[in-house]
Every structure is written in C-alpha cells, then in structure tokens.
Amino acid sequence: MLLLDYHNVLIHSLLTERFSGTPPVSIDQIVSDFDGVTFHLSTPESKTKILISINVKCFRELVQYGAQEVLEREYGPYIVTPEPGYDFSVLIDLENLPAEQEAKDELIMRLALMKRNAMAAPFERAFDEFAKLAEEASRYTSETAPQGVKEGGEVMAIHYREEEAIYIKASHDRVTVIFSTVFREETDRIFGKVFLQEFVDARRRVLTLQNAPQVLFRNDCPLELAGVPGLQNGNDGRISYVTFVLFPRHLTPQRRYENISHIQIFRDYFHYHIKASKAYIHTRMRKRTADFLQVLNRARPENEERERKTASGRTFRVQG
C-alpha cells in the first residue's frame, strides 16, 4: 500500500537542486499534479529568478472561501502578478534566499505544497466555523439553541474535477466532508465498493481505528446536501458519495494541519489503489496463463506425427 505525498515531488526535487548552489540555468517546465492542477516553472527575467505559477480548475471557488488569504499568509513576500493563463504566481530570487539551510528546506517544502495550501482554504474556514458554532452552542441546551446553531454553517462546494466535487459543512459538534466520485468503468465500481466497504468496516473491527473519522458511502445524495443545486443521483452506480465525519478530537489546532492534508488527497489515494489493484490482478492472470501454457507444452507427446508435403504436392507422415 502506497501513501501519496501531499507535496509535488517534481517541484521539490527541482527546487532542491536549484537551491543547492549549482550554476543557474534556464527553466521552462510544465508540471502536472493530481486533479488536473498544472504548474509552470520558468525563468522569464533571468536564470536566477524562478517564476512558479499554478492553475487550479476551481480556483475561483477557492478564493470565495479564503484561498487568497491563505496563499498570502504562506507566500506573502514572493507573490507577483499571476502569469497569463494561471491563477497564482510567486517569484523566487536565487540570489536572495534564506541563509540557513533549514529555512531553505522549509521554503522548498512550502512551494511544493502550493496546491495543498490553496485547497486547504475551505477546510480551514470550516474548522474555524466549527469552533465558533461550538462556543455558541455551549451557551444553550439542545432545545433552546437558535436555528442557525442547530443547522450549522453553509455547505461549501469545490468542483475540483469534471463531474466531481468536495462538499464541506461545519456544525457545532462536527465537520462533514463529502466527496462525490465518478466510476467510469464497471470494474472500477466493483473495486470501489469493496474499498469503501472496507473503510466502513475496518473502523468497527480494529480497536486502534476507533478514533478515526466515521466513513459512510451511498449512491443517493446525503441529507447534508439537501437543497444544493446541480447534484446528480447515483442510483445507476456511476456516482457515489463518500462522507467523512470529523469530530472535535480531529479538529484541534494541533491536528488540523495533518487532517486537512490527509482528507484532501483521499480521492487520489482511493482511485490510485483501484488502478493498482486492477494492475495486480492482471499481472496475476498473465502469470497464471503462462503457467498453464507451460503445463500444456510439457504434456505434448514427444513422438508426434507430422504431415509433410513433397515438391509434387503428395503428402506423407513422419514421426517427430
């Protein structure tokens, strides 16, 4: 089983090499990431100034939920006007890097986490909203709480892939994260159902997983999404909704960073392992077929009669 990295490995590798003091060179490289995200690394001004730009399909939605503030917090002094065709850009001057190696490594990792940090905005807003709702709810009983506290915050929708989205809703006692995921092949639906059922059952069976978030999956729209426009019903099995319920123990300031990183990459992790399982089964099938062919070849009689033809067209049999 593989745990996918939260950061972009290619960007991390390239910047590590550039920050090591090697002679500067021209760069013009497009780097792809999960969910259709694209980076462009270039040196448009000089070899010592690296421009890093990112394009995210749902960037406008992310900005509505505070992505610009998060990016300014993470990359403030390096932000420049976005490169045409991209949503956000930073400019790194190799001649003006931090002196300490630890600070350089931290900057490299921050830059490699640009996609993660942009996508974290709605999660951070939901976590902050949960804290406010929990504080307000503590002043009331369950019967006297205002309707706004009972219903919780708005449903934030991030349409980060074609036909797929993440829905996030904060309540006074939890944060609910719902993934809509599309299975384009029949075999993917079967594997997906097995994986998702394991997510649900493992928490019940394994004692060490009792503190993990609750996981639910269904084909019809969850009740939390009632009234959200544009939803598709997945009764045909093509679309499934995977729900993660994050409780207060998952939303503490000490754990929020890791939990946001983990849950963000769930969809990529999920579909990657579906493909890996299919590849493994195909490998086993090819190996078994090769073994059967070997057995059949060994079972062929050694003295096999063969039919030969003469130049005149007459046939005769010979012993092999």
C-alpha atoms as a PDB file:
ATOM      1  CA  MET A   1       0.000   0.000   0.000  1.00  0.00           C
ATOM      2  CA  LEU A   2       1.341   3.416  -1.012  1.00  0.00           C
ATOM      3  CA  LEU A   3       0.766   6.676   0.845  1.00  0.00           C
ATOM      4  CA  LEU A   4       0.788   9.530  -1.640  1.00  0.00           C
ATOM      5  CA  ASP A   5       2.788  12.648  -0.847  1.00  0.00           C
ATOM      6  CA  TYR A   6       0.964  15.893  -0.117  1.00  0.00           C
ATOM      7  CA  HIS A   7       3.584  17.949  -1.946  1.00  0.00           C
ATOM      8  CA  ASN A   8       4.606  17.902  -5.602  1.00  0.00           C
ATOM      9  CA  VAL A   9       7.702  15.715  -5.749  1.00  0.00           C
ATOM     10  CA  LEU A  10       8.988  17.132  -9.080  1.00  0.00           C
ATOM     11  CA  ILE A  11       8.842  20.726  -7.848  1.00  0.00           C
ATOM     12  CA  HIS A  12      10.527  19.723  -4.604  1.00  0.00           C
ATOM     13  CA  SER A  13      13.322  17.932  -6.499  1.00  0.00           C
ATOM     14  CA  LEU A  14      13.868  20.752  -8.975  1.00  0.00           C
ATOM     15  CA  LEU A  15      13.971  23.476  -6.312  1.00  0.00           C
ATOM     16  CA  THR A  16      16.261  21.404  -4.082  1.00  0.00           C
ATOM     17  CA  GLU A  17      18.735  21.232  -6.949  1.00  0.00           C
ATOM     18  CA  ARG A  18      18.412  24.965  -7.725  1.00  0.00           C
ATOM     19  CA  PHE A  19      18.752  25.970  -4.050  1.00  0.00           C
ATOM     20  CA  SER A  20      21.903  23.865  -3.603  1.00  0.00           C
ATOM     21  CA  GLY A  21      24.145  26.477  -5.201  1.00  0.00           C
ATOM     22  CA  THR A  22      24.614  24.843  -8.590  1.00  0.00           C
ATOM     23  CA  PRO A  23      25.171  27.245 -11.508  1.00  0.00           C
ATOM     24  CA  PRO A  24      21.818  28.738 -12.553  1.00  0.00           C
ATOM     25  CA  VAL A  25      20.249  27.542 -15.802  1.00  0.00           C
ATOM     26  CA  SER A  26      17.188  28.494 -17.810  1.00  0.00           C
ATOM     27  CA  ILE A  27      13.991  26.699 -16.840  1.00  0.00           C
ATOM     28  CA  ASP A  28      10.753  26.304 -18.791  1.00  0.00           C
ATOM     29  CA  GLN A  29       8.924  23.291 -17.441  1.00  0.00           C
ATOM     30  CA  ILE A  30       5.250  22.387 -17.060  1.00  0.00           C
ATOM     31  CA  VAL A  31       4.498  20.062 -14.151  1.00  0.00           C
ATOM     32  CA  SER A  32       1.199  18.239 -13.712  1.00  0.00           C
ATOM     33  CA  ASP A  33      -0.339  17.322 -10.386  1.00  0.00           C
ATOM     34  CA  PHE A  34      -3.413  15.437  -9.239  1.00  0.00           C
ATOM     35  CA  ASP A  35      -6.913  16.720 -10.036  1.00  0.00           C
ATOM     36  CA  GLY A  36      -5.831  18.411 -13.260  1.00  0.00           C
ATOM     37  CA  VAL A  37      -3.674  21.000 -11.490  1.00  0.00           C
ATOM     38  CA  THR A  38      -0.835  22.410 -13.611  1.00  0.00           C
ATOM     39  CA  PHE A  39       2.358  24.214 -12.579  1.00  0.00           C
ATOM     40  CA  HIS A  40       4.663  26.242 -14.774  1.00  0.00           C
ATOM     41  CA  LEU A  41       8.251  26.791 -13.650  1.00  0.00           C
ATOM     42  CA  SER A  42      10.221  29.264 -15.751  1.00  0.00           C
ATOM     43  CA  THR A  43      12.968  31.890 -15.686  1.00  0.00           C
ATOM     44  CA  PRO A  44      11.453  34.693 -17.799  1.00  0.00           C
ATOM     45  CA  GLU A  45      13.660  37.508 -16.428  1.00  0.00           C
ATOM     46  CA  SER A  46      16.980  35.881 -15.612  1.00  0.00           C
ATOM     47  CA  LYS A  47      18.409  32.491 -14.726  1.00  0.00           C
ATOM     48  CA  THR A  48      18.499  33.415 -11.036  1.00  0.00           C
ATOM     49  CA  LYS A  49      14.779  34.259 -10.756  1.00  0.00           C
ATOM     50  CA  ILE A  50      12.350  31.326 -10.861  1.00  0.00           C
ATOM     51  CA  LEU A  51       8.689  32.039 -11.545  1.00  0.00           C
ATOM     52  CA  ILE A  52       6.314  29.370 -10.220  1.00  0.00           C
ATOM     53  CA  SER A  53       2.686  29.542 -11.380  1.00  0.00           C
ATOM     54  CA  ILE A  54      -0.274  27.300 -10.613  1.00  0.00           C
ATOM     55  CA  ASN A  55      -3.550  26.689 -12.427  1.00  0.00           C
ATOM     56  CA  VAL A  56      -6.430  25.124 -10.492  1.00  0.00           C
ATOM     57  CA  LYS A  57      -9.797  24.324 -12.084  1.00  0.00           C
ATOM     58  CA  CYS A  58     -11.769  25.504  -9.032  1.00  0.00           C
ATOM     59  CA  PHE A  59      -9.595  28.492  -8.078  1.00  0.00           C
ATOM     60  CA  ARG A  60     -12.495  30.983  -8.194  1.00  0.00           C
ATOM     61  CA  GLU A  61     -14.444  28.862  -5.737  1.00  0.00           C
ATOM     62  CA  LEU A  62     -11.392  28.554  -3.501  1.00  0.00           C
ATOM     63  CA  VAL A  63     -10.976  32.341  -3.490  1.00  0.00           C
ATOM     64  CA  GLN A  64     -14.561  32.664  -2.234  1.00  0.00           C
ATOM     65  CA  TYR A  65     -13.602  30.520   0.749  1.00  0.00           C
ATOM     66  CA  GLY A  66     -10.395  32.354   1.611  1.00  0.00           C
ATOM     67  CA  ALA A  67      -7.718  30.862  -0.643  1.00  0.00           C
ATOM     68  CA  GLN A  68      -6.161  34.254  -1.394  1.00  0.00           C
ATOM     69  CA  GLU A  69      -5.691  34.953   2.316  1.00  0.00           C
ATOM     70  CA  VAL A  70      -4.128  31.520   2.888  1.00  0.00           C
ATOM     71  CA  LEU A  71      -1.736  31.952  -0.041  1.00  0.00           C
ATOM     72  CA  GLU A  72      -0.749  35.433   1.116  1.00  0.00           C
ATOM     73  CA  ARG A  73      -0.059  34.021   4.569  1.00  0.00           C
ATOM     74  CA  GLU A  74       2.181  31.293   3.136  1.00  0.00           C
ATOM     75  CA  TYR A  75       3.948  33.166   0.292  1.00  0.00           C
ATOM     76  CA  GLY A  76       3.489  36.858   1.106  1.00  0.00           C
ATOM     77  CA  PRO A  77       6.885  38.370   0.080  1.00  0.00           C
ATOM     78  CA  TYR A  78       7.185  36.176  -3.014  1.00  0.00           C
ATOM     79  CA  ILE A  79       3.769  36.843  -4.610  1.00  0.00           C
ATOM     80  CA  VAL A  80       3.718  38.567  -8.010  1.00  0.00           C
ATOM     81  CA  THR A  81       1.058  39.262 -10.634  1.00  0.00           C
ATOM     82  CA  PRO A  82      -0.247  35.898 -11.918  1.00  0.00           C
ATOM     83  CA  GLU A  83       1.262  34.678 -15.163  1.00  0.00           C
ATOM     84  CA  PRO A  84      -1.236  34.745 -18.079  1.00  0.00           C
ATOM     85  CA  GLY A  85      -3.207  31.503 -18.128  1.00  0.00           C
ATOM     86  CA  TYR A  86      -2.502  30.776 -14.462  1.00  0.00           C
ATOM     87  CA  ASP A  87      -4.252  31.670 -11.215  1.00  0.00           C
ATOM     88  CA  PHE A  88      -1.385  32.435  -8.834  1.00  0.00           C
ATOM     89  CA  SER A  89       2.362  33.068  -9.186  1.00  0.00           C
ATOM     90  CA  VAL A  90       5.389  33.520  -6.957  1.00  0.00           C
ATOM     91  CA  LEU A  91       8.883  34.679  -7.904  1.00  0.00           C
ATOM     92  CA  ILE A  92      11.936  33.222  -6.153  1.00  0.00           C
ATOM     93  CA  ASP A  93      15.275  35.044  -6.371  1.00  0.00           C
ATOM     94  CA  LEU A  94      18.120  32.550  -6.004  1.00  0.00           C
ATOM     95  CA  GLU A  95      20.433  35.391  -5.002  1.00  0.00           C
ATOM     96  CA  ASN A  96      18.185  36.353  -2.082  1.00  0.00           C
ATOM     97  CA  LEU A  97      17.476  33.048  -0.357  1.00  0.00           C
ATOM     98  CA  PRO A  98      17.479  32.466   3.424  1.00  0.00           C
ATOM     99  CA  ALA A  99      20.952  31.886   4.812  1.00  0.00           C
ATOM    100  CA  GLU A 100      20.155  28.872   6.985  1.00  0.00           C
ATOM    101  CA  GLN A 101      19.729  25.505   5.282  1.00  0.00           C
ATOM    102  CA  GLU A 102      16.745  24.683   7.480  1.00  0.00           C
ATOM    103  CA  ALA A 103      14.959  27.831   6.275  1.00  0.00           C
ATOM    104  CA  LYS A 104      15.758  26.932   2.664  1.00  0.00           C
ATOM    105  CA  ASP A 105      14.305  23.445   3.117  1.00  0.00           C
ATOM    106  CA  GLU A 106      11.203  24.911   4.714  1.00  0.00           C
ATOM    107  CA  LEU A 107      10.735  27.307   1.766  1.00  0.00           C
ATOM    108  CA  ILE A 108      11.169  24.472  -0.758  1.00  0.00           C
ATOM    109  CA  MET A 109       8.505  22.420   1.006  1.00  0.00           C
ATOM    110  CA  ARG A 110       6.112  25.372   1.189  1.00  0.00           C
ATOM    111  CA  LEU A 111       6.464  25.944  -2.555  1.00  0.00           C
ATOM    112  CA  ALA A 112       5.955  22.256  -3.289  1.00  0.00           C
ATOM    113  CA  LEU A 113       2.787  22.390  -1.142  1.00  0.00           C
ATOM    114  CA  MET A 114       1.198  25.204  -3.154  1.00  0.00           C
ATOM    115  CA  LYS A 115      -1.691  23.043  -4.372  1.00  0.00           C
ATOM    116  CA  ARG A 116      -2.295  21.687  -0.875  1.00  0.00           C
ATOM    117  CA  ASN A 117      -2.310  25.172   0.641  1.00  0.00           C
ATOM    118  CA  ALA A 118      -4.728  26.547  -1.954  1.00  0.00           C
ATOM    119  CA  MET A 119      -7.122  23.617  -1.468  1.00  0.00           C
ATOM    120  CA  ALA A 120      -6.863  23.951   2.340  1.00  0.00           C
ATOM    121  CA  ALA A 121      -8.765  27.257   2.448  1.00  0.00           C
ATOM    122  CA  PRO A 122     -12.347  25.889   2.679  1.00  0.00           C
ATOM    123  CA  PHE A 123     -11.246  23.274   5.229  1.00  0.00           C
ATOM    124  CA  GLU A 124      -9.644  25.947   7.418  1.00  0.00           C
ATOM    125  CA  ARG A 125     -12.791  28.065   7.162  1.00  0.00           C
ATOM    126  CA  ALA A 126     -14.945  25.083   8.161  1.00  0.00           C
ATOM    127  CA  PHE A 127     -12.696  24.307  11.132  1.00  0.00           C
ATOM    128  CA  ASP A 128     -12.845  27.926  12.304  1.00  0.00           C
ATOM    129  CA  GLU A 129     -16.611  27.963  11.804  1.00  0.00           C
ATOM    130  CA  PHE A 130     -16.925  24.796  13.872  1.00  0.00           C
ATOM    131  CA  ALA A 131     -15.063  26.453  16.753  1.00  0.00           C
ATOM    132  CA  LYS A 132     -17.427  29.470  16.679  1.00  0.00           C
ATOM    133  CA  LEU A 133     -20.542  27.305  16.474  1.00  0.00           C
ATOM    134  CA  ALA A 134     -19.307  25.053  19.301  1.00  0.00           C
ATOM    135  CA  GLU A 135     -18.664  28.062  21.522  1.00  0.00           C
ATOM    136  CA  GLU A 136     -22.083  29.500  20.755  1.00  0.00           C
ATOM    137  CA  ALA A 137     -23.833  26.146  21.256  1.00  0.00           C
ATOM    138  CA  SER A 138     -22.237  25.768  24.692  1.00  0.00           C
ATOM    139  CA  ARG A 139     -24.427  28.636  25.918  1.00  0.00           C
ATOM    140  CA  TYR A 140     -27.650  26.783  25.148  1.00  0.00           C
ATOM    141  CA  THR A 141     -29.273  23.430  25.636  1.00  0.00           C
ATOM    142  CA  SER A 142     -30.191  21.310  22.630  1.00  0.00           C
ATOM    143  CA  GLU A 143     -33.790  22.541  22.933  1.00  0.00           C
ATOM    144  CA  THR A 144     -33.068  26.263  23.294  1.00  0.00           C
ATOM    145  CA  ALA A 145     -30.282  26.582  20.719  1.00  0.00           C
ATOM    146  CA  PRO A 146     -31.074  29.003  17.858  1.00  0.00           C
ATOM    147  CA  GLN A 147     -31.921  27.526  14.486  1.00  0.00           C
ATOM    148  CA  GLY A 148     -28.676  28.817  12.982  1.00  0.00           C
ATOM    149  CA  VAL A 149     -26.629  26.891  15.545  1.00  0.00           C
ATOM    150  CA  LYS A 150     -28.643  23.698  15.034  1.00  0.00           C
ATOM    151  CA  GLU A 151     -28.380  23.791  11.244  1.00  0.00           C
ATOM    152  CA  GLY A 152     -24.689  24.700  11.203  1.00  0.00           C
ATOM    153  CA  GLY A 153     -22.821  26.631   8.529  1.00  0.00           C
ATOM    154  CA  GLU A 154     -23.245  26.760   4.780  1.00  0.00           C
ATOM    155  CA  VAL A 155     -22.263  23.892   2.507  1.00  0.00           C
ATOM    156  CA  MET A 156     -19.062  24.864   0.701  1.00  0.00           C
ATOM    157  CA  ALA A 157     -18.768  23.199  -2.720  1.00  0.00           C
ATOM    158  CA  ILE A 158     -15.426  22.812  -4.504  1.00  0.00           C
ATOM    159  CA  HIS A 159     -15.847  21.479  -8.052  1.00  0.00           C
ATOM    160  CA  TYR A 160     -12.240  20.432  -8.410  1.00  0.00           C
ATOM    161  CA  ARG A 161     -12.755  17.820 -11.147  1.00  0.00           C
ATOM    162  CA  GLU A 162     -15.190  17.320 -14.013  1.00  0.00           C
ATOM    163  CA  GLU A 163     -18.434  15.919 -12.567  1.00  0.00           C
ATOM    164  CA  GLU A 164     -16.827  15.570  -9.119  1.00  0.00           C
ATOM    165  CA  ALA A 165     -16.802  17.866  -6.110  1.00  0.00           C
ATOM    166  CA  ILE A 166     -15.965  18.147  -2.418  1.00  0.00           C
ATOM    167  CA  TYR A 167     -18.679  19.435  -0.080  1.00  0.00           C
ATOM    168  CA  ILE A 168     -17.741  20.750   3.369  1.00  0.00           C
ATOM    169  CA  LYS A 169     -20.190  21.678   6.114  1.00  0.00           C
ATOM    170  CA  ALA A 170     -19.409  22.807   9.662  1.00  0.00           C
ATOM    171  CA  SER A 171     -21.738  22.096  12.593  1.00  0.00           C
ATOM    172  CA  HIS A 172     -21.440  22.806  16.296  1.00  0.00           C
ATOM    173  CA  ASP A 173     -20.294  19.238  17.007  1.00  0.00           C
ATOM    174  CA  ARG A 174     -18.605  18.099  13.775  1.00  0.00           C
ATOM    175  CA  VAL A 175     -17.339  18.950  10.319  1.00  0.00           C
ATOM    176  CA  THR A 176     -18.737  16.835   7.489  1.00  0.00           C
ATOM    177  CA  VAL A 177     -16.709  16.339   4.315  1.00  0.00           C
ATOM    178  CA  ILE A 178     -18.430  14.667   1.350  1.00  0.00           C
ATOM    179  CA  PHE A 179     -16.705  13.513  -1.839  1.00  0.00           C
ATOM    180  CA  SER A 180     -18.711  12.811  -4.968  1.00  0.00           C
ATOM    181  CA  THR A 181     -16.731  10.416  -7.115  1.00  0.00           C
ATOM    182  CA  VAL A 182     -17.464   9.052 -10.591  1.00  0.00           C
ATOM    183  CA  PHE A 183     -16.745   5.471 -11.623  1.00  0.00           C
ATOM    184  CA  ARG A 184     -16.360   5.454 -15.393  1.00  0.00           C
ATOM    185  CA  GLU A 185     -15.890   1.674 -15.729  1.00  0.00           C
ATOM    186  CA  GLU A 186     -17.896  -1.217 -14.367  1.00  0.00           C
ATOM    187  CA  THR A 187     -14.813  -2.836 -12.830  1.00  0.00           C
ATOM    188  CA  ASP A 188     -13.970   0.439 -11.061  1.00  0.00           C
ATOM    189  CA  ARG A 189     -17.404   0.420  -9.452  1.00  0.00           C
ATOM    190  CA  ILE A 190     -16.846  -3.088  -8.125  1.00  0.00           C
ATOM    191  CA  PHE A 191     -13.392  -2.325  -6.758  1.00  0.00           C
ATOM    192  CA  GLY A 192     -14.608   0.997  -5.377  1.00  0.00           C
ATOM    193  CA  LYS A 193     -17.451  -0.664  -3.495  1.00  0.00           C
ATOM    194  CA  VAL A 194     -15.027  -3.166  -1.939  1.00  0.00           C
ATOM    195  CA  PHE A 195     -12.612  -0.423  -0.885  1.00  0.00           C
ATOM    196  CA  LEU A 196     -15.331   1.812   0.535  1.00  0.00           C
ATOM    197  CA  GLN A 197     -16.941  -1.041   2.432  1.00  0.00           C
ATOM    198  CA  GLU A 198     -13.543  -1.774   3.960  1.00  0.00           C
ATOM    199  CA  PHE A 199     -13.278   1.853   5.096  1.00  0.00           C
ATOM    200  CA  VAL A 200     -16.620   1.452   6.849  1.00  0.00           C
ATOM    201  CA  ASP A 201     -15.993  -1.994   8.355  1.00  0.00           C
ATOM    202  CA  ALA A 202     -12.359  -1.520   9.422  1.00  0.00           C
ATOM    203  CA  ARG A 203     -13.330   1.125  11.975  1.00  0.00           C
ATOM    204  CA  ARG A 204     -15.708  -1.349  13.609  1.00  0.00           C
ATOM    205  CA  ARG A 205     -13.279  -4.278  13.661  1.00  0.00           C
ATOM    206  CA  VAL A 206      -9.942  -2.700  14.576  1.00  0.00           C
ATOM    207  CA  LEU A 207      -9.755  -1.162  18.034  1.00  0.00           C
ATOM    208  CA  THR A 208      -6.878   1.146  17.098  1.00  0.00           C
ATOM    209  CA  LEU A 209      -9.109   2.773  14.456  1.00  0.00           C
ATOM    210  CA  GLN A 210     -11.896   3.724  16.839  1.00  0.00           C
ATOM    211  CA  ASN A 211     -10.607   7.299  16.951  1.00  0.00           C
ATOM    212  CA  ALA A 212     -10.558   7.590  13.140  1.00  0.00           C
ATOM    213  CA  PRO A 213     -13.239   9.671  11.413  1.00  0.00           C
ATOM    214  CA  GLN A 214     -16.506   7.935  10.658  1.00  0.00           C
ATOM    215  CA  VAL A 215     -16.789   6.948   6.984  1.00  0.00           C
ATOM    216  CA  LEU A 216     -20.088   6.424   5.143  1.00  0.00           C
ATOM    217  CA  PHE A 217     -20.843   5.838   1.485  1.00  0.00           C
ATOM    218  CA  ARG A 218     -24.022   5.780  -0.552  1.00  0.00           C
ATOM    219  CA  ASN A 219     -25.235   6.233  -4.122  1.00  0.00           C
ATOM    220  CA  ASP A 220     -28.027   8.701  -3.372  1.00  0.00           C
ATOM    221  CA  CYS A 221     -27.303  12.241  -2.170  1.00  0.00           C
ATOM    222  CA  PRO A 222     -26.612  12.562   1.578  1.00  0.00           C
ATOM    223  CA  LEU A 223     -29.081  14.584   3.649  1.00  0.00           C
ATOM    224  CA  GLU A 224     -26.391  17.195   4.337  1.00  0.00           C
ATOM    225  CA  LEU A 225     -26.542  18.161   0.665  1.00  0.00           C
ATOM    226  CA  ALA A 226     -30.308  18.708   0.570  1.00  0.00           C
ATOM    227  CA  GLY A 227     -31.002  21.840  -1.430  1.00  0.00           C
ATOM    228  CA  VAL A 228     -27.553  22.033  -3.032  1.00  0.00           C
ATOM    229  CA  PRO A 229     -28.074  22.691  -6.761  1.00  0.00           C
ATOM    230  CA  GLY A 230     -26.598  20.606  -9.545  1.00  0.00           C
ATOM    231  CA  LEU A 231     -26.328  17.300  -7.678  1.00  0.00           C
ATOM    232  CA  GLN A 232     -26.676  14.029  -9.568  1.00  0.00           C
ATOM    233  CA  ASN A 233     -28.333  10.961  -8.157  1.00  0.00           C
ATOM    234  CA  GLY A 234     -26.061   7.932  -8.331  1.00  0.00           C
ATOM    235  CA  ASN A 235     -28.673   5.174  -8.382  1.00  0.00           C
ATOM    236  CA  ASP A 236     -27.098   3.827 -11.569  1.00  0.00           C
ATOM    237  CA  GLY A 237     -23.919   3.116  -9.604  1.00  0.00           C
ATOM    238  CA  ARG A 238     -21.847   5.585 -11.627  1.00  0.00           C
ATOM    239  CA  ILE A 239     -21.630   8.232  -8.900  1.00  0.00           C
ATOM    240  CA  SER A 240     -21.004   7.549  -5.225  1.00  0.00           C
ATOM    241  CA  TYR A 241     -20.889   9.868  -2.239  1.00  0.00           C
ATOM    242  CA  VAL A 242     -18.250   9.229   0.413  1.00  0.00           C
ATOM    243  CA  THR A 243     -18.811  11.030   3.714  1.00  0.00           C
ATOM    244  CA  PHE A 244     -16.171  11.701   6.372  1.00  0.00           C
ATOM    245  CA  VAL A 245     -17.413  12.883   9.755  1.00  0.00           C
ATOM    246  CA  LEU A 246     -14.713  14.792  11.642  1.00  0.00           C
ATOM    247  CA  PHE A 247     -15.407  15.064  15.357  1.00  0.00           C
ATOM    248  CA  PRO A 248     -13.939  17.630  17.801  1.00  0.00           C
ATOM    249  CA  ARG A 249     -10.924  15.404  18.508  1.00  0.00           C
ATOM    250  CA  HIS A 250      -9.953  15.710  14.834  1.00  0.00           C
ATOM    251  CA  LEU A 251     -10.386  19.488  14.751  1.00  0.00           C
ATOM    252  CA  THR A 252      -7.929  20.615  17.427  1.00  0.00           C
ATOM    253  CA  PRO A 253      -5.295  23.167  16.372  1.00  0.00           C
ATOM    254  CA  GLN A 254      -2.571  20.546  16.869  1.00  0.00           C
ATOM    255  CA  ARG A 255      -4.159  18.088  14.439  1.00  0.00           C
ATOM    256  CA  ARG A 256      -5.882  20.257  11.860  1.00  0.00           C
ATOM    257  CA  TYR A 257      -2.897  20.623   9.502  1.00  0.00           C
ATOM    258  CA  GLU A 258      -2.323  16.889   9.115  1.00  0.00           C
ATOM    259  CA  ASN A 259      -6.023  16.115   8.951  1.00  0.00           C
ATOM    260  CA  ILE A 260      -6.578  18.671   6.187  1.00  0.00           C
ATOM    261  CA  SER A 261      -3.661  17.190   4.246  1.00  0.00           C
ATOM    262  CA  HIS A 262      -4.922  13.623   4.715  1.00  0.00           C
ATOM    263  CA  ILE A 263      -8.514  14.231   3.715  1.00  0.00           C
ATOM    264  CA  GLN A 264      -7.617  16.420   0.742  1.00  0.00           C
ATOM    265  CA  ILE A 265      -5.820  13.616  -1.026  1.00  0.00           C
ATOM    266  CA  PHE A 266      -8.446  10.940  -0.316  1.00  0.00           C
ATOM    267  CA  ARG A 267      -9.878  10.891  -3.834  1.00  0.00           C
ATOM    268  CA  ASP A 268      -6.447  10.471  -5.472  1.00  0.00           C
ATOM    269  CA  TYR A 269      -5.458   7.827  -2.931  1.00  0.00           C
ATOM    270  CA  PHE A 270      -8.738   5.972  -3.474  1.00  0.00           C
ATOM    271  CA  HIS A 271      -8.622   5.859  -7.277  1.00  0.00           C
ATOM    272  CA  TYR A 272      -4.883   5.158  -7.355  1.00  0.00           C
ATOM    273  CA  HIS A 273      -5.368   1.990  -5.335  1.00  0.00           C
ATOM    274  CA  ILE A 274      -8.278   0.902  -7.534  1.00  0.00           C
ATOM    275  CA  LYS A 275      -5.954   1.102 -10.545  1.00  0.00           C
ATOM    276  CA  ALA A 276      -3.122  -0.576  -8.623  1.00  0.00           C
ATOM    277  CA  SER A 277      -5.419  -3.452  -7.660  1.00  0.00           C
ATOM    278  CA  LYS A 278      -6.531  -3.916 -11.274  1.00  0.00           C
ATOM    279  CA  ALA A 279      -2.899  -3.932 -12.420  1.00  0.00           C
ATOM    280  CA  TYR A 280      -2.011  -6.517  -9.742  1.00  0.00           C
ATOM    281  CA  ILE A 281      -4.878  -8.807 -10.750  1.00  0.00           C
ATOM    282  CA  HIS A 282      -3.921  -8.526 -14.437  1.00  0.00           C
ATOM    283  CA  THR A 283      -0.331  -9.432 -13.539  1.00  0.00           C
ATOM    284  CA  ARG A 284      -1.518 -12.489 -11.616  1.00  0.00           C
ATOM    285  CA  MET A 285      -3.772 -13.516 -14.538  1.00  0.00           C
ATOM    286  CA  ARG A 286      -0.894 -13.254 -17.021  1.00  0.00           C
ATOM    287  CA  LYS A 287       1.349 -15.272 -14.707  1.00  0.00           C
ATOM    288  CA  ARG A 288      -1.299 -17.971 -14.298  1.00  0.00           C
ATOM    289  CA  THR A 289      -1.866 -18.123 -18.070  1.00  0.00           C
ATOM    290  CA  ALA A 290       1.874 -18.514 -18.657  1.00  0.00           C
ATOM    291  CA  ASP A 291       1.952 -21.361 -16.108  1.00  0.00           C
ATOM    292  CA  PHE A 292      -0.942 -23.147 -17.834  1.00  0.00           C
ATOM    293  CA  LEU A 293       0.732 -22.818 -21.232  1.00  0.00           C
ATOM    294  CA  GLN A 294       3.912 -24.270 -19.792  1.00  0.00           C
ATOM    295  CA  VAL A 295       1.979 -27.260 -18.440  1.00  0.00           C
ATOM    296  CA  LEU A 296       0.295 -27.791 -21.821  1.00  0.00           C
ATOM    297  CA  ASN A 297       3.627 -27.665 -23.630  1.00  0.00           C
ATOM    298  CA  ARG A 298       5.069 -30.262 -21.299  1.00  0.00           C
ATOM    299  CA  ALA A 299       2.070 -32.543 -21.906  1.00  0.00           C
ATOM    300  CA  ARG A 300       2.590 -32.623 -25.699  1.00  0.00           C
ATOM    301  CA  PRO A 301       3.750 -36.117 -26.888  1.00  0.00           C
ATOM    302  CA  GLU A 302       7.374 -36.304 -27.933  1.00  0.00           C
ATOM    303  CA  ASN A 303       6.758 -38.727 -30.865  1.00  0.00           C
ATOM    304  CA  GLU A 304       4.175 -36.630 -32.631  1.00  0.00           C
ATOM    305  CA  GLU A 305       3.242 -37.496 -36.175  1.00  0.00           C
ATOM    306  CA  ARG A 306       3.716 -34.642 -38.585  1.00  0.00           C
ATOM    307  CA  GLU A 307       2.365 -34.280 -42.086  1.00  0.00           C
ATOM    308  CA  ARG A 308       4.853 -33.216 -44.767  1.00  0.00           C
ATOM    309  CA  LYS A 309       4.459 -32.387 -48.449  1.00  0.00           C
ATOM    310  CA  THR A 310       6.739 -33.245 -51.352  1.00  0.00           C
ATOM    311  CA  ALA A 311       7.541 -30.881 -54.210  1.00  0.00           C
ATOM    312  CA  SER A 312       4.887 -32.585 -56.322  1.00  0.00           C
ATOM    313  CA  GLY A 313       2.203 -31.973 -53.706  1.00  0.00           C
ATOM    314  CA  ARG A 314       1.982 -35.515 -52.309  1.00  0.00           C
ATOM    315  CA  THR A 315       1.699 -35.802 -48.541  1.00  0.00           C
ATOM    316  CA  PHE A 316       3.267 -38.296 -46.145  1.00  0.00           C
ATOM    317  CA  ARG A 317       3.551 -38.650 -42.349  1.00  0.00           C
ATOM    318  CA  VAL A 318       6.773 -38.700 -40.363  1.00  0.00           C
ATOM    319  CA  GLN A 319       7.427 -39.423 -36.722  1.00  0.00           C
ATOM    320  CA  GLY A 320       8.532 -36.351 -34.716  1.00  0.00           C
END
